[in-house]
N, C-alpha and C. Protein backbone atom coordinates (compact mmCIF):
# COMPACT_ATOMS: atom_id res chain seq x y z
N MET A 1 55.10 124.08 145.47
CA MET A 1 53.92 123.57 146.16
C MET A 1 54.18 122.13 146.60
N PRO A 2 53.92 121.77 147.88
CA PRO A 2 54.10 120.39 148.33
C PRO A 2 53.24 119.44 147.51
N LEU A 3 53.75 118.21 147.31
CA LEU A 3 53.03 117.25 146.47
C LEU A 3 51.65 116.95 147.01
N THR A 4 51.50 116.94 148.34
CA THR A 4 50.19 116.62 148.91
C THR A 4 49.14 117.66 148.56
N ARG A 5 49.57 118.90 148.31
CA ARG A 5 48.64 119.96 147.89
C ARG A 5 48.53 120.05 146.38
N LEU A 6 49.56 119.55 145.68
CA LEU A 6 49.58 119.66 144.23
C LEU A 6 48.62 118.68 143.57
N PHE A 7 48.48 117.49 144.11
CA PHE A 7 47.66 116.46 143.47
C PHE A 7 46.21 116.88 143.25
N PRO A 8 45.51 117.44 144.26
CA PRO A 8 44.12 117.87 143.99
C PRO A 8 44.04 118.93 142.91
N ALA A 9 45.03 119.83 142.85
CA ALA A 9 45.03 120.87 141.82
C ALA A 9 45.20 120.25 140.44
N LEU A 10 46.00 119.21 140.35
CA LEU A 10 46.20 118.54 139.07
C LEU A 10 44.91 117.94 138.55
N ALA A 11 44.14 117.35 139.42
CA ALA A 11 42.89 116.74 139.00
C ALA A 11 41.96 117.78 138.40
N LEU A 12 41.91 118.96 139.01
CA LEU A 12 41.05 120.03 138.51
C LEU A 12 41.55 120.54 137.16
N VAL A 13 42.87 120.77 137.05
CA VAL A 13 43.43 121.28 135.80
C VAL A 13 43.16 120.33 134.65
N CYS A 14 43.39 119.05 134.86
CA CYS A 14 43.20 118.10 133.78
C CYS A 14 41.73 117.93 133.45
N GLY A 15 40.87 118.16 134.42
CA GLY A 15 39.46 118.07 134.14
C GLY A 15 38.96 119.22 133.29
N LEU A 16 39.69 120.36 133.29
CA LEU A 16 39.25 121.54 132.56
C LEU A 16 39.92 121.70 131.21
N ALA A 17 41.06 121.04 130.99
CA ALA A 17 41.82 121.28 129.77
C ALA A 17 42.30 119.97 129.17
N ALA A 18 42.46 119.96 127.86
CA ALA A 18 42.99 118.79 127.18
C ALA A 18 44.46 118.63 127.56
N CYS A 19 44.90 117.39 127.68
CA CYS A 19 46.28 117.12 128.07
C CYS A 19 47.01 116.49 126.89
N ALA A 20 48.22 116.96 126.62
CA ALA A 20 48.96 116.56 125.42
C ALA A 20 49.21 115.06 125.40
N ASN A 21 49.16 114.49 124.20
CA ASN A 21 49.41 113.07 124.01
C ASN A 21 50.86 112.88 123.59
N GLY A 22 51.65 112.27 124.46
CA GLY A 22 53.08 112.12 124.22
C GLY A 22 53.44 111.06 123.22
N GLN A 23 52.46 110.33 122.69
CA GLN A 23 52.75 109.29 121.71
C GLN A 23 52.33 109.68 120.30
N SER A 24 51.56 110.76 120.16
CA SER A 24 50.96 111.09 118.87
C SER A 24 51.96 111.57 117.83
N ASP A 25 53.12 112.08 118.29
CA ASP A 25 54.08 112.63 117.33
C ASP A 25 55.29 111.75 117.09
N LEU A 26 55.33 110.58 117.70
CA LEU A 26 56.53 109.76 117.63
C LEU A 26 56.78 109.14 116.26
N ASP A 27 55.74 109.06 115.44
CA ASP A 27 55.91 108.51 114.09
C ASP A 27 56.08 109.61 113.05
N LYS A 28 56.24 110.85 113.50
CA LYS A 28 56.44 111.98 112.59
C LYS A 28 57.93 112.30 112.50
N PRO A 29 58.36 113.03 111.46
CA PRO A 29 59.77 113.41 111.36
C PRO A 29 60.24 114.13 112.62
N THR A 30 61.47 113.83 113.03
CA THR A 30 62.01 114.41 114.26
C THR A 30 62.63 115.77 114.01
N GLU A 31 62.22 116.76 114.78
CA GLU A 31 62.81 118.10 114.70
C GLU A 31 63.99 118.17 115.68
N PRO A 32 65.19 118.45 115.21
CA PRO A 32 66.36 118.49 116.11
C PRO A 32 66.18 119.47 117.26
N ILE A 33 66.79 119.15 118.39
CA ILE A 33 66.88 120.09 119.51
C ILE A 33 68.32 120.59 119.51
N GLY A 34 68.64 121.47 118.61
CA GLY A 34 70.01 121.95 118.50
C GLY A 34 70.97 120.81 118.25
N ASP A 35 72.05 120.78 119.05
CA ASP A 35 73.07 119.73 118.88
C ASP A 35 72.85 118.56 119.84
N PHE A 36 71.67 118.47 120.42
CA PHE A 36 71.39 117.45 121.44
C PHE A 36 71.43 116.03 120.89
N LYS A 37 72.14 115.18 121.61
CA LYS A 37 72.10 113.74 121.38
C LYS A 37 72.13 113.08 122.75
N LEU A 38 71.23 112.13 122.98
CA LEU A 38 71.10 111.52 124.30
C LEU A 38 72.27 110.61 124.61
N GLY A 39 72.94 110.90 125.73
CA GLY A 39 73.97 110.00 126.22
C GLY A 39 73.36 108.95 127.12
N HIS A 40 73.04 109.34 128.35
CA HIS A 40 72.39 108.43 129.30
C HIS A 40 71.12 109.09 129.83
N ALA A 41 70.11 108.29 130.05
CA ALA A 41 68.91 108.72 130.76
C ALA A 41 68.89 107.95 132.08
N MET A 42 69.07 108.67 133.17
CA MET A 42 69.16 108.04 134.49
C MET A 42 67.89 108.36 135.27
N VAL A 43 67.12 107.33 135.59
CA VAL A 43 65.83 107.51 136.27
C VAL A 43 65.92 106.91 137.66
N VAL A 44 65.53 107.68 138.66
CA VAL A 44 65.51 107.22 140.04
C VAL A 44 64.17 107.60 140.67
N ALA A 45 63.89 107.05 141.83
CA ALA A 45 62.63 107.37 142.52
C ALA A 45 62.80 107.17 144.02
N PRO A 46 63.74 107.90 144.63
CA PRO A 46 64.02 107.65 146.05
C PRO A 46 62.96 108.16 147.00
N ASN A 47 62.18 109.15 146.57
CA ASN A 47 61.20 109.78 147.47
C ASN A 47 59.81 109.83 146.85
N MET A 48 59.48 108.85 146.06
CA MET A 48 58.22 108.86 145.31
C MET A 48 57.00 108.81 146.25
N VAL A 49 56.01 109.66 145.95
CA VAL A 49 54.79 109.74 146.75
C VAL A 49 53.60 109.31 145.89
N MET A 50 52.75 108.45 146.44
CA MET A 50 51.52 108.07 145.76
C MET A 50 50.41 109.03 146.18
N GLY A 51 49.73 109.63 145.21
CA GLY A 51 48.68 110.59 145.50
C GLY A 51 47.40 109.91 145.98
N PRO A 52 46.41 110.71 146.35
CA PRO A 52 45.16 110.18 146.89
C PRO A 52 44.35 109.42 145.84
N LEU A 53 43.61 108.41 146.30
CA LEU A 53 42.70 107.64 145.44
C LEU A 53 43.41 107.05 144.23
N SER A 54 44.64 106.59 144.44
CA SER A 54 45.45 106.09 143.34
C SER A 54 45.65 104.58 143.43
N ARG A 55 45.73 103.96 142.27
CA ARG A 55 46.27 102.60 142.22
C ARG A 55 47.73 102.65 142.64
N GLU A 56 48.22 101.56 143.19
CA GLU A 56 49.61 101.51 143.62
C GLU A 56 50.48 100.92 142.52
N ALA A 57 51.65 101.53 142.32
CA ALA A 57 52.63 101.02 141.35
C ALA A 57 53.99 101.04 142.02
N SER A 58 54.82 100.07 141.71
CA SER A 58 56.11 99.94 142.38
C SER A 58 57.12 100.94 141.83
N THR A 59 58.12 101.22 142.65
CA THR A 59 59.23 102.08 142.22
C THR A 59 59.89 101.52 140.97
N GLU A 60 60.11 100.21 140.96
CA GLU A 60 60.78 99.58 139.82
C GLU A 60 59.97 99.73 138.54
N ASP A 61 58.66 99.59 138.65
CA ASP A 61 57.82 99.71 137.46
C ASP A 61 57.82 101.14 136.92
N TRP A 62 57.81 102.13 137.82
CA TRP A 62 57.84 103.52 137.37
C TRP A 62 59.18 103.86 136.71
N ILE A 63 60.25 103.40 137.32
CA ILE A 63 61.58 103.65 136.73
C ILE A 63 61.66 103.06 135.34
N ALA A 64 61.20 101.82 135.19
CA ALA A 64 61.24 101.16 133.88
C ALA A 64 60.36 101.88 132.87
N SER A 65 59.18 102.32 133.29
CA SER A 65 58.24 102.96 132.39
C SER A 65 58.76 104.31 131.90
N VAL A 66 59.25 105.13 132.83
CA VAL A 66 59.77 106.45 132.46
C VAL A 66 61.03 106.31 131.62
N ASP A 67 61.91 105.39 131.99
CA ASP A 67 63.13 105.18 131.22
C ASP A 67 62.81 104.78 129.78
N SER A 68 61.85 103.89 129.60
CA SER A 68 61.46 103.46 128.26
C SER A 68 60.93 104.62 127.43
N ALA A 69 60.12 105.49 128.05
CA ALA A 69 59.56 106.63 127.33
C ALA A 69 60.65 107.64 126.95
N LEU A 70 61.61 107.86 127.83
CA LEU A 70 62.71 108.77 127.51
C LEU A 70 63.55 108.23 126.36
N GLU A 71 63.83 106.94 126.40
CA GLU A 71 64.60 106.33 125.32
C GLU A 71 63.86 106.44 124.00
N GLU A 72 62.57 106.16 124.02
CA GLU A 72 61.79 106.20 122.79
C GLU A 72 61.75 107.60 122.19
N ARG A 73 61.62 108.61 123.02
CA ARG A 73 61.52 109.98 122.51
C ARG A 73 62.87 110.57 122.14
N PHE A 74 63.87 110.41 122.99
CA PHE A 74 65.11 111.16 122.80
C PHE A 74 66.17 110.41 122.00
N ARG A 75 66.05 109.11 121.82
CA ARG A 75 67.00 108.41 120.95
C ARG A 75 66.81 108.79 119.49
N ARG A 76 65.71 109.44 119.18
CA ARG A 76 65.48 109.89 117.81
C ARG A 76 66.36 111.09 117.46
N GLN A 77 66.85 111.79 118.48
CA GLN A 77 67.68 112.97 118.26
C GLN A 77 69.10 112.55 117.87
N ASP A 78 69.65 113.20 116.85
CA ASP A 78 70.95 112.78 116.33
C ASP A 78 71.88 113.98 116.18
N GLY A 79 72.00 114.77 117.25
CA GLY A 79 72.89 115.93 117.23
C GLY A 79 74.35 115.53 117.35
N ASP A 80 75.21 116.53 117.52
CA ASP A 80 76.66 116.30 117.55
C ASP A 80 77.23 116.28 118.95
N GLN A 81 76.41 116.53 119.97
CA GLN A 81 76.92 116.64 121.33
C GLN A 81 76.07 115.78 122.28
N PHE A 82 76.74 115.00 123.11
CA PHE A 82 76.03 114.16 124.07
C PHE A 82 75.62 114.96 125.31
N TYR A 83 74.38 114.71 125.73
CA TYR A 83 73.86 115.26 126.97
C TYR A 83 73.19 114.11 127.74
N HIS A 84 73.17 114.24 129.05
CA HIS A 84 72.55 113.22 129.90
C HIS A 84 71.32 113.80 130.61
N LEU A 85 70.31 112.97 130.79
CA LEU A 85 69.11 113.38 131.51
C LEU A 85 69.04 112.64 132.84
N GLY A 86 68.89 113.39 133.91
CA GLY A 86 68.65 112.80 135.22
C GLY A 86 67.22 113.08 135.62
N VAL A 87 66.45 112.04 135.86
CA VAL A 87 65.02 112.20 136.15
C VAL A 87 64.67 111.48 137.45
N SER A 88 64.05 112.21 138.35
CA SER A 88 63.58 111.63 139.61
C SER A 88 62.06 111.63 139.63
N VAL A 89 61.47 110.46 139.78
CA VAL A 89 60.01 110.35 139.88
C VAL A 89 59.61 110.78 141.29
N GLU A 90 58.83 111.85 141.37
CA GLU A 90 58.49 112.43 142.67
C GLU A 90 57.12 111.99 143.18
N GLY A 91 56.16 111.86 142.28
CA GLY A 91 54.82 111.49 142.73
C GLY A 91 53.92 111.12 141.57
N TYR A 92 52.84 110.42 141.87
CA TYR A 92 51.93 109.99 140.82
C TYR A 92 50.52 109.75 141.37
N VAL A 93 49.57 109.81 140.45
CA VAL A 93 48.21 109.34 140.70
C VAL A 93 47.83 108.48 139.52
N LEU A 94 47.38 107.27 139.78
CA LEU A 94 46.82 106.40 138.76
C LEU A 94 45.34 106.19 139.11
N ALA A 95 44.48 106.85 138.35
CA ALA A 95 43.04 106.77 138.64
C ALA A 95 42.61 105.32 138.72
N GLN A 96 41.78 105.01 139.70
CA GLN A 96 41.34 103.63 139.89
C GLN A 96 39.84 103.49 139.64
N PRO A 97 39.41 102.29 139.29
CA PRO A 97 37.99 102.06 139.06
C PRO A 97 37.24 101.91 140.39
N GLY A 98 35.93 101.93 140.30
CA GLY A 98 35.12 101.65 141.47
C GLY A 98 34.90 102.84 142.38
N ILE A 99 35.30 104.06 141.91
CA ILE A 99 35.10 105.27 142.70
C ILE A 99 34.10 106.14 141.95
N PRO A 100 33.11 106.73 142.62
CA PRO A 100 32.16 107.61 141.92
C PRO A 100 32.88 108.63 141.05
N LEU A 101 32.34 108.87 139.86
CA LEU A 101 33.01 109.73 138.88
C LEU A 101 33.36 111.09 139.45
N VAL A 102 32.49 111.64 140.27
CA VAL A 102 32.73 112.98 140.80
C VAL A 102 33.97 113.01 141.70
N LEU A 103 34.34 111.86 142.27
CA LEU A 103 35.51 111.79 143.15
C LEU A 103 36.74 111.22 142.44
N SER A 104 36.56 110.66 141.28
CA SER A 104 37.64 109.96 140.61
C SER A 104 38.75 110.93 140.19
N PRO A 105 39.98 110.72 140.66
CA PRO A 105 41.07 111.62 140.29
C PRO A 105 41.53 111.34 138.86
N LYS A 106 42.10 112.34 138.22
CA LYS A 106 42.75 112.14 136.94
C LYS A 106 44.17 111.65 137.20
N SER A 107 44.68 110.84 136.30
CA SER A 107 46.03 110.33 136.46
C SER A 107 47.05 111.44 136.22
N ALA A 108 48.13 111.43 136.98
CA ALA A 108 49.17 112.46 136.87
C ALA A 108 50.51 111.90 137.29
N LEU A 109 51.56 112.49 136.75
CA LEU A 109 52.93 112.08 137.08
C LEU A 109 53.78 113.33 137.26
N ILE A 110 54.56 113.38 138.33
CA ILE A 110 55.42 114.52 138.62
C ILE A 110 56.87 114.04 138.71
N VAL A 111 57.77 114.70 137.98
CA VAL A 111 59.18 114.33 138.01
C VAL A 111 60.03 115.59 138.16
N ASN A 112 61.26 115.41 138.63
CA ASN A 112 62.28 116.45 138.61
C ASN A 112 63.33 116.08 137.57
N VAL A 113 63.80 117.07 136.83
CA VAL A 113 64.71 116.81 135.71
C VAL A 113 65.94 117.69 135.79
N THR A 114 67.11 117.10 135.52
CA THR A 114 68.35 117.82 135.39
C THR A 114 69.02 117.38 134.10
N VAL A 115 69.62 118.33 133.37
CA VAL A 115 70.33 118.03 132.13
C VAL A 115 71.81 118.28 132.34
N TRP A 116 72.63 117.31 131.89
CA TRP A 116 74.09 117.40 132.01
C TRP A 116 74.72 117.48 130.63
N ASP A 117 75.74 118.32 130.51
CA ASP A 117 76.55 118.41 129.30
C ASP A 117 77.71 117.42 129.45
N ASP A 118 77.79 116.45 128.55
CA ASP A 118 78.83 115.43 128.66
C ASP A 118 80.23 116.02 128.48
N ALA A 119 80.37 116.99 127.58
CA ALA A 119 81.69 117.55 127.27
C ALA A 119 82.29 118.27 128.46
N THR A 120 81.46 119.00 129.21
CA THR A 120 81.96 119.79 130.34
C THR A 120 81.74 119.09 131.68
N GLN A 121 80.97 117.99 131.67
CA GLN A 121 80.61 117.29 132.91
C GLN A 121 79.96 118.26 133.90
N ALA A 122 79.12 119.16 133.38
CA ALA A 122 78.43 120.15 134.19
C ALA A 122 76.94 120.09 133.92
N LYS A 123 76.15 120.40 134.94
CA LYS A 123 74.71 120.43 134.73
C LYS A 123 74.29 121.79 134.20
N LEU A 124 73.29 121.78 133.33
CA LEU A 124 72.83 123.02 132.71
C LEU A 124 71.86 123.80 133.59
N ASN A 125 71.08 123.13 134.40
CA ASN A 125 70.15 123.83 135.31
C ASN A 125 70.61 123.65 136.75
N ALA A 126 70.73 124.79 137.45
CA ALA A 126 71.24 124.77 138.82
C ALA A 126 70.34 123.97 139.75
N GLU A 127 69.04 124.12 139.57
CA GLU A 127 68.06 123.40 140.37
C GLU A 127 67.24 122.50 139.47
N PRO A 128 66.85 121.32 139.95
CA PRO A 128 66.02 120.44 139.11
C PRO A 128 64.73 121.13 138.68
N GLU A 129 64.34 120.90 137.46
CA GLU A 129 63.08 121.43 136.94
C GLU A 129 61.96 120.45 137.22
N GLN A 130 60.90 120.91 137.86
CA GLN A 130 59.77 120.02 138.13
C GLN A 130 58.82 120.03 136.93
N ILE A 131 58.55 118.84 136.42
CA ILE A 131 57.69 118.66 135.25
C ILE A 131 56.47 117.85 135.67
N THR A 132 55.31 118.30 135.25
CA THR A 132 54.07 117.60 135.55
C THR A 132 53.41 117.13 134.27
N ALA A 133 53.01 115.88 134.22
CA ALA A 133 52.30 115.33 133.07
C ALA A 133 50.94 114.82 133.54
N LEU A 134 49.94 115.09 132.74
CA LEU A 134 48.58 114.63 133.01
C LEU A 134 48.17 113.63 131.95
N GLU A 135 47.18 112.84 132.25
CA GLU A 135 46.74 111.85 131.27
C GLU A 135 46.16 112.54 130.04
N SER A 136 46.38 111.95 128.88
CA SER A 136 45.84 112.51 127.64
C SER A 136 44.32 112.44 127.66
N LEU A 137 43.68 113.50 127.22
CA LEU A 137 42.23 113.53 127.18
C LEU A 137 41.74 112.81 125.93
N SER A 138 40.90 111.83 126.11
CA SER A 138 40.36 111.05 125.00
C SER A 138 38.98 110.55 125.38
N ALA A 139 38.34 109.86 124.46
CA ALA A 139 37.04 109.28 124.76
C ALA A 139 37.15 108.30 125.92
N GLU A 140 38.31 107.62 126.01
CA GLU A 140 38.50 106.65 127.08
C GLU A 140 38.67 107.31 128.44
N THR A 141 39.48 108.40 128.48
CA THR A 141 39.79 109.00 129.77
C THR A 141 38.76 110.02 130.22
N ALA A 142 37.83 110.39 129.35
CA ALA A 142 36.82 111.39 129.72
C ALA A 142 36.00 110.94 130.92
N VAL A 143 35.79 109.64 131.04
CA VAL A 143 35.03 109.11 132.16
C VAL A 143 35.93 108.59 133.27
N GLY A 144 37.25 108.82 133.12
CA GLY A 144 38.20 108.32 134.11
C GLY A 144 38.97 107.14 133.57
N SER A 145 40.29 107.29 133.46
CA SER A 145 41.09 106.21 132.87
C SER A 145 41.09 104.96 133.74
N GLY A 146 40.74 105.12 135.02
CA GLY A 146 40.67 103.94 135.88
C GLY A 146 39.62 102.95 135.44
N LEU A 147 38.58 103.45 134.71
CA LEU A 147 37.51 102.57 134.24
C LEU A 147 37.82 101.93 132.89
N THR A 148 38.74 102.53 132.13
CA THR A 148 38.94 102.10 130.75
C THR A 148 40.34 101.61 130.44
N GLN A 149 41.30 101.85 131.34
CA GLN A 149 42.69 101.46 131.08
C GLN A 149 43.25 100.65 132.24
N SER A 150 44.14 99.74 131.89
CA SER A 150 44.86 99.01 132.93
C SER A 150 45.90 99.92 133.56
N LYS A 151 46.45 99.51 134.68
CA LYS A 151 47.50 100.28 135.33
C LYS A 151 48.70 100.46 134.40
N GLN A 152 49.05 99.41 133.68
CA GLN A 152 50.19 99.47 132.77
C GLN A 152 49.94 100.48 131.63
N GLU A 153 48.71 100.52 131.12
CA GLU A 153 48.37 101.49 130.07
C GLU A 153 48.44 102.91 130.60
N GLN A 154 47.95 103.13 131.81
CA GLN A 154 48.03 104.46 132.41
C GLN A 154 49.48 104.90 132.57
N MET A 155 50.33 103.99 133.03
CA MET A 155 51.73 104.33 133.25
C MET A 155 52.43 104.65 131.93
N ARG A 156 52.14 103.87 130.89
CA ARG A 156 52.75 104.15 129.57
C ARG A 156 52.30 105.52 129.06
N ASN A 157 51.03 105.82 129.23
CA ASN A 157 50.48 107.10 128.81
C ASN A 157 51.17 108.25 129.54
N LEU A 158 51.24 108.17 130.84
CA LEU A 158 51.84 109.24 131.63
C LEU A 158 53.34 109.38 131.35
N SER A 159 54.02 108.26 131.21
CA SER A 159 55.47 108.31 130.96
C SER A 159 55.76 108.96 129.61
N ALA A 160 54.95 108.61 128.60
CA ALA A 160 55.11 109.24 127.29
C ALA A 160 54.82 110.74 127.37
N ASN A 161 53.81 111.11 128.14
CA ASN A 161 53.45 112.52 128.27
C ASN A 161 54.51 113.31 129.03
N VAL A 162 55.12 112.70 130.05
CA VAL A 162 56.15 113.43 130.79
C VAL A 162 57.39 113.59 129.93
N ALA A 163 57.71 112.60 129.09
CA ALA A 163 58.84 112.73 128.17
C ALA A 163 58.60 113.88 127.19
N LEU A 164 57.36 114.01 126.72
CA LEU A 164 57.01 115.11 125.82
C LEU A 164 57.15 116.46 126.53
N GLN A 165 56.69 116.55 127.77
CA GLN A 165 56.80 117.80 128.51
C GLN A 165 58.27 118.17 128.76
N ILE A 166 59.11 117.17 129.00
CA ILE A 166 60.54 117.42 129.17
C ILE A 166 61.12 117.98 127.87
N GLU A 167 60.73 117.40 126.74
CA GLU A 167 61.22 117.90 125.45
C GLU A 167 60.78 119.35 125.24
N LYS A 168 59.53 119.68 125.55
CA LYS A 168 59.06 121.06 125.37
C LYS A 168 59.86 122.02 126.24
N TRP A 169 60.14 121.62 127.47
CA TRP A 169 60.95 122.46 128.37
C TRP A 169 62.36 122.65 127.79
N MET A 170 62.96 121.57 127.30
CA MET A 170 64.30 121.66 126.73
C MET A 170 64.33 122.60 125.52
N ARG A 171 63.30 122.56 124.70
CA ARG A 171 63.23 123.46 123.53
C ARG A 171 63.10 124.92 123.99
N ARG A 172 62.34 125.15 125.04
CA ARG A 172 62.24 126.52 125.57
C ARG A 172 63.60 127.00 126.07
N MET A 173 64.33 126.13 126.76
CA MET A 173 65.64 126.50 127.28
C MET A 173 66.64 126.70 126.15
N GLN A 174 66.50 125.98 125.07
CA GLN A 174 67.36 126.18 123.91
C GLN A 174 67.20 127.60 123.37
N LYS A 175 65.95 128.06 123.31
CA LYS A 175 65.67 129.39 122.75
C LYS A 175 66.02 130.51 123.72
N THR A 176 65.76 130.31 125.01
CA THR A 176 65.93 131.40 125.96
C THR A 176 67.28 131.42 126.66
N GLU A 177 67.92 130.23 126.80
CA GLU A 177 69.16 130.14 127.56
C GLU A 177 70.34 129.67 126.72
N GLY A 178 70.11 129.39 125.44
CA GLY A 178 71.21 128.97 124.59
C GLY A 178 71.66 127.53 124.77
N TRP A 179 70.81 126.71 125.39
CA TRP A 179 71.17 125.29 125.53
C TRP A 179 71.25 124.65 124.14
N PHE A 180 72.07 123.61 124.04
CA PHE A 180 72.15 122.78 122.84
C PHE A 180 72.49 123.60 121.59
N GLY A 181 73.35 124.60 121.75
CA GLY A 181 73.74 125.41 120.61
C GLY A 181 72.69 126.37 120.16
N GLY A 182 71.81 126.81 121.08
CA GLY A 182 70.75 127.74 120.73
C GLY A 182 71.27 129.15 120.51
N PRO A 183 70.39 130.13 120.31
CA PRO A 183 70.81 131.48 119.95
C PRO A 183 71.67 132.18 121.00
N ASP A 184 71.55 131.77 122.26
CA ASP A 184 72.38 132.37 123.31
C ASP A 184 73.49 131.42 123.76
N ALA A 185 73.88 130.51 122.88
CA ALA A 185 74.95 129.56 123.21
C ALA A 185 76.21 130.33 123.57
N GLY A 186 76.97 129.75 124.50
CA GLY A 186 78.19 130.42 124.93
C GLY A 186 78.08 130.95 126.34
N LYS A 187 76.83 131.00 126.86
CA LYS A 187 76.68 131.34 128.27
C LYS A 187 77.37 130.26 129.10
N PRO A 188 78.03 130.62 130.20
CA PRO A 188 78.72 129.59 131.00
C PRO A 188 77.73 128.62 131.62
N VAL A 189 78.06 127.34 131.55
CA VAL A 189 77.24 126.34 132.23
C VAL A 189 77.67 126.28 133.68
N LEU A 190 76.85 125.57 134.50
CA LEU A 190 77.12 125.52 135.92
C LEU A 190 78.14 124.43 136.20
N SER A 191 79.24 124.82 136.86
CA SER A 191 80.26 123.84 137.15
C SER A 191 79.82 122.96 138.31
N ASP A 192 80.11 121.68 138.16
CA ASP A 192 79.78 120.73 139.22
C ASP A 192 80.59 119.47 138.95
N SER A 193 80.48 118.53 139.86
CA SER A 193 81.19 117.27 139.66
C SER A 193 80.46 116.41 138.64
N ALA A 194 81.09 115.32 138.24
CA ALA A 194 80.49 114.43 137.26
C ALA A 194 79.17 113.90 137.77
N PRO A 195 78.22 113.61 136.85
CA PRO A 195 76.87 113.23 137.28
C PRO A 195 76.81 111.92 138.02
N ASP A 196 76.05 111.95 139.11
CA ASP A 196 75.71 110.75 139.87
C ASP A 196 74.23 110.52 139.69
N ALA A 197 73.78 109.26 139.65
CA ALA A 197 72.40 108.96 139.30
C ALA A 197 71.40 109.69 140.20
N THR A 198 71.65 109.70 141.53
CA THR A 198 70.70 110.35 142.42
C THR A 198 70.83 111.86 142.36
N ALA A 199 72.07 112.36 142.41
CA ALA A 199 72.28 113.80 142.39
C ALA A 199 71.85 114.40 141.07
N THR A 200 72.05 113.66 139.99
CA THR A 200 71.69 114.17 138.68
C THR A 200 70.22 114.49 138.60
N ALA A 201 69.38 113.64 139.17
CA ALA A 201 67.94 113.85 139.11
C ALA A 201 67.48 114.89 140.11
N GLY A 202 68.34 115.31 140.97
CA GLY A 202 67.98 116.37 141.90
C GLY A 202 67.66 115.87 143.27
């Protein structure tokens, strides 16, 4: 779905369902993702789109925010094999204040993700996986995070949530595709050249 059509759908989805909090589990014991250990997290944003009724945030700020969240979540993993994450920030909405509640969008972040195996210098997914994160539902965001949070707080929230969604996707792939020494390990990975920051993110 094109990003211009996806943003309105995101606002509706987040308005109807609770959105996971990517920071709530960071102080709990870490459950290994197979043999995964983070090598490099490469974040780019060459084609980032700002959604409707959004506060504006710079490419540099988004790269820094997402990179920090990836480091915080995945540096906790201490497996035996290095893997690299390539993440491209594709689009975002940062709810802003001063808009009637009925029109106020929910904050959202969309990224594309590719995982690389350091040992084979090959990517595990042929096509980038698109991951969508929505703002966590709380007493603050129930009336619109634009009224209760600064832009920086919204970005930290979304970046943490997108890192959590990436982890959930990786765990699913471990179980179904044998990534990170999962039950179907041994399936051939996709051969490609060594990772480049832009190509890695898709």
